[in-house]
Amino acid sequence: MIEAPEVCDDGDRVDDGVCNPDCTMAGCPLYFAACDAIDDNGCESNLLLSDQYCGNCTITCIHPHTDATCLGGYCMLSACRDFYGDCNLDPNDGCEIDLQTSDAFCGGCTNPGCDSSSHCVGGACVPI
């Protein structure tokens, strides 16, 4: 039995053990793209499952303080870490707000925030 190649000699993508000649830098199969622009690995990115290139070559699910994965071409945020929150509800930019220091979202995304006489310190509004 001949083992299927993991990478084709000319950089084409492997489909079920067969090199796919239709995959070129100019045109990739549906849901695949050559996001890194390296000819040697062809259409390396699965846009439906790649956390680095989710949906297209410009969207990543990899963000600081965020646990997210690409499913079906959409970033699915599962959790925020390190006292950060996804206050704009956009999984494409992850958990963008530091809830320990944000005057607008002090302590949580649904909190009213600090007024002009206080600042957020450690997740609580503290008078200036």
Protein backbone atom coordinates (compact mmCIF):
# COMPACT_ATOMS: atom_id res chain seq x y z
CA MET A 1 0.00 0.00 0.00
CA ILE A 2 1.34 3.44 -0.97
CA GLU A 3 1.16 6.02 1.79
CA ALA A 4 -0.46 9.33 0.90
CA PRO A 5 1.90 12.30 0.79
CA GLU A 6 1.43 14.96 3.45
CA VAL A 7 2.70 17.67 1.11
CA CYS A 8 2.81 17.50 -2.65
CA ASP A 9 6.07 18.20 -4.48
CA ASP A 10 4.67 21.26 -6.22
CA GLY A 11 2.88 22.69 -3.15
CA ASP A 12 -0.61 21.56 -4.12
CA ARG A 13 -2.98 20.60 -1.32
CA VAL A 14 -3.52 16.91 -0.53
CA ASP A 15 -7.12 15.67 -0.90
CA ASP A 16 -7.70 12.13 0.37
CA GLY A 17 -4.10 11.15 -0.40
CA VAL A 18 -4.07 12.72 -3.88
CA CYS A 19 -2.36 15.96 -4.85
CA ASN A 20 -4.94 18.50 -5.95
CA PRO A 21 -3.64 20.26 -9.09
CA ASP A 22 -6.45 22.83 -8.97
CA CYS A 23 -4.92 24.55 -5.97
CA THR A 24 -2.73 27.40 -7.11
CA MET A 25 -1.92 30.79 -5.68
CA ALA A 26 -4.35 32.33 -8.17
CA GLY A 27 -7.31 30.10 -7.33
CA CYS A 28 -7.92 27.84 -4.36
CA PRO A 29 -10.70 25.32 -3.82
CA LEU A 30 -13.78 26.52 -1.97
CA TYR A 31 -13.08 27.35 1.70
CA PHE A 32 -9.30 27.20 1.25
CA ALA A 33 -6.88 30.08 0.72
CA ALA A 34 -3.17 30.81 0.35
CA CYS A 35 -3.10 33.26 3.25
CA ASP A 36 0.64 33.14 3.88
CA ALA A 37 1.45 33.73 0.16
CA ILE A 38 4.09 30.98 0.16
CA ASP A 39 3.99 29.10 -3.13
CA ASP A 40 5.54 25.94 -1.65
CA ASN A 41 2.54 25.13 0.55
CA GLY A 42 -0.24 26.17 -1.83
CA CYS A 43 -3.69 26.67 -0.35
CA GLU A 44 -2.70 25.93 3.24
CA SER A 45 -5.52 27.62 5.12
CA ASN A 46 -8.89 26.00 5.75
CA LEU A 47 -11.05 29.11 6.20
CA LEU A 48 -13.75 27.13 7.98
CA LEU A 49 -11.46 25.81 10.74
CA SER A 50 -8.27 27.88 10.89
CA ASP A 51 -7.99 29.92 14.10
CA GLN A 52 -5.35 32.08 12.40
CA TYR A 53 -7.36 32.72 9.21
CA CYS A 54 -11.06 32.35 10.02
CA GLY A 55 -13.49 33.09 7.19
CA ASN A 56 -10.83 34.97 5.22
CA CYS A 57 -7.13 35.78 5.37
CA THR A 58 -7.60 38.97 7.41
CA ILE A 59 -9.62 37.64 10.39
CA THR A 60 -7.95 35.80 13.25
CA CYS A 61 -9.51 34.23 16.33
CA ILE A 62 -6.18 34.41 18.15
CA HIS A 63 -6.28 37.35 20.57
CA PRO A 64 -4.71 38.03 23.96
CA HIS A 65 -6.85 37.15 26.98
CA THR A 66 -9.26 35.13 24.80
CA ASP A 67 -10.23 31.50 24.35
CA ALA A 68 -11.77 31.26 20.88
CA THR A 69 -11.89 28.89 17.94
CA CYS A 70 -12.93 29.05 14.29
CA LEU A 71 -16.05 27.06 13.46
CA GLY A 72 -17.64 27.28 10.03
CA GLY A 73 -15.63 30.40 9.18
CA TYR A 74 -16.75 32.34 12.28
CA CYS A 75 -14.80 33.04 15.47
CA MET A 76 -16.57 31.49 18.41
CA LEU A 77 -15.56 33.04 21.70
CA SER A 78 -15.71 30.55 24.56
CA ALA A 79 -14.15 32.52 27.41
CA CYS A 80 -12.30 35.65 28.43
CA ARG A 81 -9.26 35.36 30.69
CA ASP A 82 -7.29 37.56 33.08
CA PHE A 83 -10.13 39.96 34.05
CA TYR A 84 -10.82 40.94 30.44
CA GLY A 85 -14.25 41.19 28.78
CA ASP A 86 -15.78 41.10 25.31
CA CYS A 87 -17.79 44.25 25.90
CA ASN A 88 -18.49 45.05 22.24
CA LEU A 89 -19.74 41.47 21.64
CA ASP A 90 -17.52 41.15 18.56
CA PRO A 91 -15.70 37.79 18.63
CA ASN A 92 -13.38 39.01 15.85
CA ASP A 93 -11.45 41.22 18.26
CA GLY A 94 -11.67 38.93 21.30
CA CYS A 95 -11.76 40.12 24.88
CA GLU A 96 -10.72 43.70 24.26
CA ILE A 97 -11.50 45.45 27.58
CA ASP A 98 -9.44 45.29 30.78
CA LEU A 99 -12.21 45.19 33.39
CA GLN A 100 -9.72 46.10 36.14
CA THR A 101 -8.81 49.49 34.65
CA SER A 102 -11.54 50.53 32.19
CA ASP A 103 -13.48 53.55 33.42
CA ALA A 104 -16.27 52.72 30.96
CA PHE A 105 -16.60 49.03 31.96
CA CYS A 106 -15.17 48.91 35.49
CA GLY A 107 -15.56 45.40 36.92
CA GLY A 108 -17.79 44.09 34.13
CA CYS A 109 -19.18 44.75 30.67
CA THR A 110 -22.69 45.46 31.98
CA ASN A 111 -21.56 47.76 34.80
CA PRO A 112 -22.42 51.46 34.36
CA GLY A 113 -18.77 52.51 34.59
CA CYS A 114 -17.12 55.18 36.67
CA ASP A 115 -18.30 58.77 36.72
CA SER A 116 -16.02 61.77 36.15
CA SER A 117 -15.07 61.91 39.84
CA SER A 118 -13.54 58.41 39.93
CA HIS A 119 -11.25 55.99 38.08
CA CYS A 120 -11.34 52.22 37.80
CA VAL A 121 -8.74 50.54 40.00
CA GLY A 122 -8.76 46.79 40.48
CA GLY A 123 -12.26 46.50 39.02
CA ALA A 124 -13.82 49.09 41.34
CA CYS A 125 -14.50 52.81 40.88
CA VAL A 126 -12.27 54.75 43.27
CA PRO A 127 -12.69 58.50 43.93
CA ILE A 128 -9.96 60.68 42.45
